[in-house]
Amino acid sequence: MVGEQPEVTDVIECSLKMDTTMKAFQQEGGAKMFEKNLAAGLGISRNNVQVEEVRPGSVIVDYDILIDKNTPSR
């Protein structure tokens, strides 16, 4: 089902520093666009990517990748 939350078995905690400004990050869609683009790039559901925090320092995004126990490994 679309929008269904994954049944999480593990979480990968990540942090990414981007050379941009907070204003530019927000104008480009902010955290939701980041989740969408990262999920598309990894070939996973957007529901499996959760931005936990966005903070200045260029732009630092702390996010989790949720491992769904119902998704087969490749």
C-alpha atoms as a PDB file:
ATOM      1  CA  MET A   1       0.000   0.000   0.000  1.00  0.00           C
ATOM      2  CA  VAL A   2       1.293   3.484  -0.861  1.00  0.00           C
ATOM      3  CA  GLY A   3       2.348   5.519   2.168  1.00  0.00           C
ATOM      4  CA  GLU A   4       2.476   2.461   4.410  1.00  0.00           C
ATOM      5  CA  GLN A   5       5.185   2.584   7.079  1.00  0.00           C
ATOM      6  CA  PRO A   6       7.838  -0.139   6.849  1.00  0.00           C
ATOM      7  CA  GLU A   7       8.114  -2.833   9.504  1.00  0.00           C
ATOM      8  CA  VAL A   8      11.524  -1.760  10.769  1.00  0.00           C
ATOM      9  CA  THR A   9      14.158  -4.307  11.749  1.00  0.00           C
ATOM     10  CA  ASP A  10      17.205  -2.019  11.678  1.00  0.00           C
ATOM     11  CA  VAL A  11      18.095   1.655  11.261  1.00  0.00           C
ATOM     12  CA  ILE A  12      21.159   3.142   9.586  1.00  0.00           C
ATOM     13  CA  GLU A  13      21.889   6.581  11.069  1.00  0.00           C
ATOM     14  CA  CYS A  14      23.569   8.965   8.625  1.00  0.00           C
ATOM     15  CA  SER A  15      24.744  12.552   8.407  1.00  0.00           C
ATOM     16  CA  LEU A  16      25.478  14.467   5.206  1.00  0.00           C
ATOM     17  CA  LYS A  17      27.092  17.891   4.864  1.00  0.00           C
ATOM     18  CA  MET A  18      26.115  19.803   1.714  1.00  0.00           C
ATOM     19  CA  ASP A  19      27.813  22.899   0.316  1.00  0.00           C
ATOM     20  CA  THR A  20      24.696  25.074   0.149  1.00  0.00           C
ATOM     21  CA  THR A  21      22.749  27.509   2.316  1.00  0.00           C
ATOM     22  CA  MET A  22      19.713  26.759   4.469  1.00  0.00           C
ATOM     23  CA  LYS A  23      17.702  29.193   2.342  1.00  0.00           C
ATOM     24  CA  ALA A  24      18.659  27.423  -0.903  1.00  0.00           C
ATOM     25  CA  PHE A  25      17.996  24.000   0.680  1.00  0.00           C
ATOM     26  CA  GLN A  26      14.489  25.094   1.704  1.00  0.00           C
ATOM     27  CA  GLN A  27      13.792  26.708  -1.679  1.00  0.00           C
ATOM     28  CA  GLU A  28      14.672  23.407  -3.389  1.00  0.00           C
ATOM     29  CA  GLY A  29      12.083  21.507  -1.353  1.00  0.00           C
ATOM     30  CA  GLY A  30      13.834  21.016   1.977  1.00  0.00           C
ATOM     31  CA  ALA A  31      13.682  17.786   3.953  1.00  0.00           C
ATOM     32  CA  LYS A  32      10.819  16.230   1.971  1.00  0.00           C
ATOM     33  CA  MET A  33      12.639  16.682  -1.339  1.00  0.00           C
ATOM     34  CA  PHE A  34      15.836  15.328   0.243  1.00  0.00           C
ATOM     35  CA  GLU A  35      13.948  12.193   1.364  1.00  0.00           C
ATOM     36  CA  LYS A  36      12.386  11.768  -2.078  1.00  0.00           C
ATOM     37  CA  ASN A  37      15.665  12.206  -3.982  1.00  0.00           C
ATOM     38  CA  LEU A  38      17.707   9.985  -1.659  1.00  0.00           C
ATOM     39  CA  ALA A  39      15.121   7.206  -1.772  1.00  0.00           C
ATOM     40  CA  ALA A  40      14.958   7.394  -5.579  1.00  0.00           C
ATOM     41  CA  GLY A  41      18.750   7.275  -5.817  1.00  0.00           C
ATOM     42  CA  LEU A  42      18.910   4.227  -3.537  1.00  0.00           C
ATOM     43  CA  GLY A  43      15.954   2.514  -5.207  1.00  0.00           C
ATOM     44  CA  ILE A  44      13.954   2.289  -1.967  1.00  0.00           C
ATOM     45  CA  SER A  45      10.601   3.613  -0.775  1.00  0.00           C
ATOM     46  CA  ARG A  46      10.539   7.187   0.483  1.00  0.00           C
ATOM     47  CA  ASN A  47       8.920   5.770   3.618  1.00  0.00           C
ATOM     48  CA  ASN A  48      12.295   4.189   4.399  1.00  0.00           C
ATOM     49  CA  VAL A  49      14.103   7.547   4.619  1.00  0.00           C
ATOM     50  CA  GLN A  50      13.429   9.881   7.533  1.00  0.00           C
ATOM     51  CA  VAL A  51      15.131  13.248   8.007  1.00  0.00           C
ATOM     52  CA  GLU A  52      15.707  13.680  11.718  1.00  0.00           C
ATOM     53  CA  GLU A  53      17.301  17.141  11.693  1.00  0.00           C
ATOM     54  CA  VAL A  54      18.518  19.821   9.297  1.00  0.00           C
ATOM     55  CA  ARG A  55      21.023  22.289  10.706  1.00  0.00           C
ATOM     56  CA  PRO A  56      23.351  25.022   9.490  1.00  0.00           C
ATOM     57  CA  GLY A  57      27.060  24.545   8.899  1.00  0.00           C
ATOM     58  CA  SER A  58      26.664  24.789   5.150  1.00  0.00           C
ATOM     59  CA  VAL A  59      23.664  22.422   5.480  1.00  0.00           C
ATOM     60  CA  ILE A  60      23.950  19.281   7.581  1.00  0.00           C
ATOM     61  CA  VAL A  61      21.182  16.701   7.234  1.00  0.00           C
ATOM     62  CA  ASP A  62      20.890  13.926   9.825  1.00  0.00           C
ATOM     63  CA  TYR A  63      18.713  11.124   8.506  1.00  0.00           C
ATOM     64  CA  ASP A  64      17.854   7.464   9.041  1.00  0.00           C
ATOM     65  CA  ILE A  65      17.437   4.691   6.505  1.00  0.00           C
ATOM     66  CA  LEU A  66      14.921   2.180   7.822  1.00  0.00           C
ATOM     67  CA  ILE A  67      15.437  -1.459   6.930  1.00  0.00           C
ATOM     68  CA  ASP A  68      12.078  -3.124   6.227  1.00  0.00           C
ATOM     69  CA  LYS A  69      12.049  -6.791   7.211  1.00  0.00           C
ATOM     70  CA  ASN A  70       9.515  -7.478   4.446  1.00  0.00           C
ATOM     71  CA  THR A  71      11.771  -6.161   1.669  1.00  0.00           C
ATOM     72  CA  PRO A  72      14.018  -8.843   0.195  1.00  0.00           C
ATOM     73  CA  SER A  73      17.768  -8.224   0.066  1.00  0.00           C
ATOM     74  CA  ARG A  74      19.417  -7.850  -3.316  1.00  0.00           C
END
